[in-house]
Amino acid sequence: MVVIDIPLGAVAYDKSGIGYRVVEVFDDVVTLEKPDRARLKAN
């Protein structure tokens, strides 16, 4: 069993560079939220 501590609000990027914000971690299920591109470019 692997335990990974993922902080809420962390951003994971996929291969195309789109960021997904972690909004919920429950047991082994991680909920990701895809921010809109305008907000991504602004950061």
N, C-alpha and C. Protein backbone atom coordinates (compact mmCIF):
# COMPACT_ATOMS: atom_id res chain seq x y z
N MET A 1 0.84 -1.19 0.00
CA MET A 1 0.00 0.00 0.00
C MET A 1 0.88 1.25 0.00
N VAL A 2 0.58 2.16 -0.89
CA VAL A 2 1.36 3.39 -1.00
C VAL A 2 0.52 4.56 -0.49
N VAL A 3 1.09 5.33 0.41
CA VAL A 3 0.40 6.49 0.94
C VAL A 3 1.07 7.74 0.39
N ILE A 4 0.30 8.56 -0.30
CA ILE A 4 0.83 9.81 -0.84
C ILE A 4 0.06 10.96 -0.19
N ASP A 5 0.80 11.85 0.44
CA ASP A 5 0.17 12.98 1.09
C ASP A 5 0.04 14.12 0.08
N ILE A 6 -1.18 14.37 -0.37
CA ILE A 6 -1.43 15.41 -1.37
C ILE A 6 -2.14 16.57 -0.70
N PRO A 7 -1.51 17.74 -0.66
CA PRO A 7 -2.16 18.89 -0.03
C PRO A 7 -3.28 19.43 -0.90
N LEU A 8 -4.35 19.89 -0.26
CA LEU A 8 -5.43 20.51 -1.02
C LEU A 8 -4.92 21.80 -1.64
N GLY A 9 -5.34 22.07 -2.85
CA GLY A 9 -4.89 23.26 -3.54
C GLY A 9 -3.64 23.03 -4.38
N ALA A 10 -3.07 21.84 -4.26
CA ALA A 10 -1.91 21.52 -5.09
C ALA A 10 -2.35 21.44 -6.55
N VAL A 11 -1.43 21.70 -7.46
CA VAL A 11 -1.77 21.66 -8.88
C VAL A 11 -0.92 20.59 -9.55
N ALA A 12 -1.61 19.66 -10.22
CA ALA A 12 -0.92 18.63 -11.00
C ALA A 12 -1.08 18.95 -12.48
N TYR A 13 -0.02 18.73 -13.24
CA TYR A 13 -0.07 19.03 -14.67
C TYR A 13 -0.05 17.75 -15.49
N ASP A 14 -0.89 17.69 -16.54
CA ASP A 14 -0.84 16.54 -17.42
C ASP A 14 0.20 16.77 -18.52
N LYS A 15 0.29 15.84 -19.46
CA LYS A 15 1.35 15.90 -20.47
C LYS A 15 1.25 17.15 -21.35
N SER A 16 0.06 17.67 -21.54
CA SER A 16 -0.08 18.85 -22.40
C SER A 16 0.05 20.15 -21.62
N GLY A 17 0.37 20.06 -20.33
CA GLY A 17 0.66 21.26 -19.56
C GLY A 17 -0.57 21.92 -18.94
N ILE A 18 -1.69 21.22 -18.96
CA ILE A 18 -2.90 21.77 -18.34
C ILE A 18 -2.89 21.42 -16.86
N GLY A 19 -3.13 22.41 -16.03
CA GLY A 19 -3.08 22.18 -14.59
C GLY A 19 -4.42 21.77 -14.03
N TYR A 20 -4.39 20.86 -13.07
CA TYR A 20 -5.59 20.42 -12.38
C TYR A 20 -5.40 20.66 -10.89
N ARG A 21 -6.32 21.40 -10.28
CA ARG A 21 -6.20 21.71 -8.86
C ARG A 21 -6.86 20.61 -8.03
N VAL A 22 -6.18 20.18 -6.98
CA VAL A 22 -6.72 19.16 -6.08
C VAL A 22 -7.74 19.82 -5.15
N VAL A 23 -8.99 19.40 -5.23
CA VAL A 23 -10.02 20.02 -4.39
C VAL A 23 -10.51 19.09 -3.28
N GLU A 24 -10.25 17.78 -3.42
CA GLU A 24 -10.72 16.87 -2.37
C GLU A 24 -9.90 15.59 -2.41
N VAL A 25 -9.53 15.09 -1.24
CA VAL A 25 -8.87 13.78 -1.14
C VAL A 25 -9.66 12.97 -0.13
N PHE A 26 -10.25 11.86 -0.59
CA PHE A 26 -11.06 11.03 0.29
C PHE A 26 -10.67 9.58 0.07
N ASP A 27 -10.14 8.93 1.12
CA ASP A 27 -9.57 7.58 1.00
C ASP A 27 -8.56 7.57 -0.13
N ASP A 28 -8.80 6.79 -1.19
CA ASP A 28 -7.84 6.75 -2.29
C ASP A 28 -8.38 7.47 -3.53
N VAL A 29 -9.38 8.33 -3.33
CA VAL A 29 -9.96 9.06 -4.45
C VAL A 29 -9.55 10.53 -4.37
N VAL A 30 -8.95 11.01 -5.44
CA VAL A 30 -8.53 12.41 -5.49
C VAL A 30 -9.42 13.13 -6.50
N THR A 31 -10.07 14.20 -6.06
CA THR A 31 -10.92 14.99 -6.94
C THR A 31 -10.12 16.16 -7.50
N LEU A 32 -10.10 16.25 -8.83
CA LEU A 32 -9.35 17.33 -9.48
C LEU A 32 -10.30 18.29 -10.16
N GLU A 33 -9.95 19.55 -10.14
CA GLU A 33 -10.75 20.58 -10.77
C GLU A 33 -9.90 21.20 -11.87
N LYS A 34 -10.47 21.29 -13.06
CA LYS A 34 -9.72 21.86 -14.18
C LYS A 34 -10.02 23.35 -14.28
N PRO A 35 -9.03 24.19 -13.96
CA PRO A 35 -9.27 25.63 -14.07
C PRO A 35 -9.37 26.06 -15.53
N ASP A 36 -10.03 27.17 -15.75
CA ASP A 36 -10.15 27.63 -17.13
C ASP A 36 -8.81 28.16 -17.62
N ARG A 37 -8.62 28.15 -18.92
CA ARG A 37 -7.33 28.50 -19.50
C ARG A 37 -6.94 29.95 -19.22
N ALA A 38 -7.90 30.84 -19.16
CA ALA A 38 -7.59 32.25 -18.92
C ALA A 38 -6.91 32.42 -17.56
N ARG A 39 -7.42 31.69 -16.58
CA ARG A 39 -6.82 31.80 -15.25
C ARG A 39 -5.44 31.14 -15.25
N LEU A 40 -5.29 30.06 -16.03
CA LEU A 40 -3.99 29.41 -16.12
C LEU A 40 -2.95 30.36 -16.71
N LYS A 41 -3.32 31.05 -17.79
CA LYS A 41 -2.37 31.95 -18.44
C LYS A 41 -2.05 33.15 -17.56
N ALA A 42 -3.00 33.56 -16.74
CA ALA A 42 -2.80 34.74 -15.90
C ALA A 42 -1.78 34.46 -14.80
N ASN A 43 -1.68 33.21 -14.36
CA ASN A 43 -0.76 32.89 -13.26
C ASN A 43 0.66 32.79 -13.75
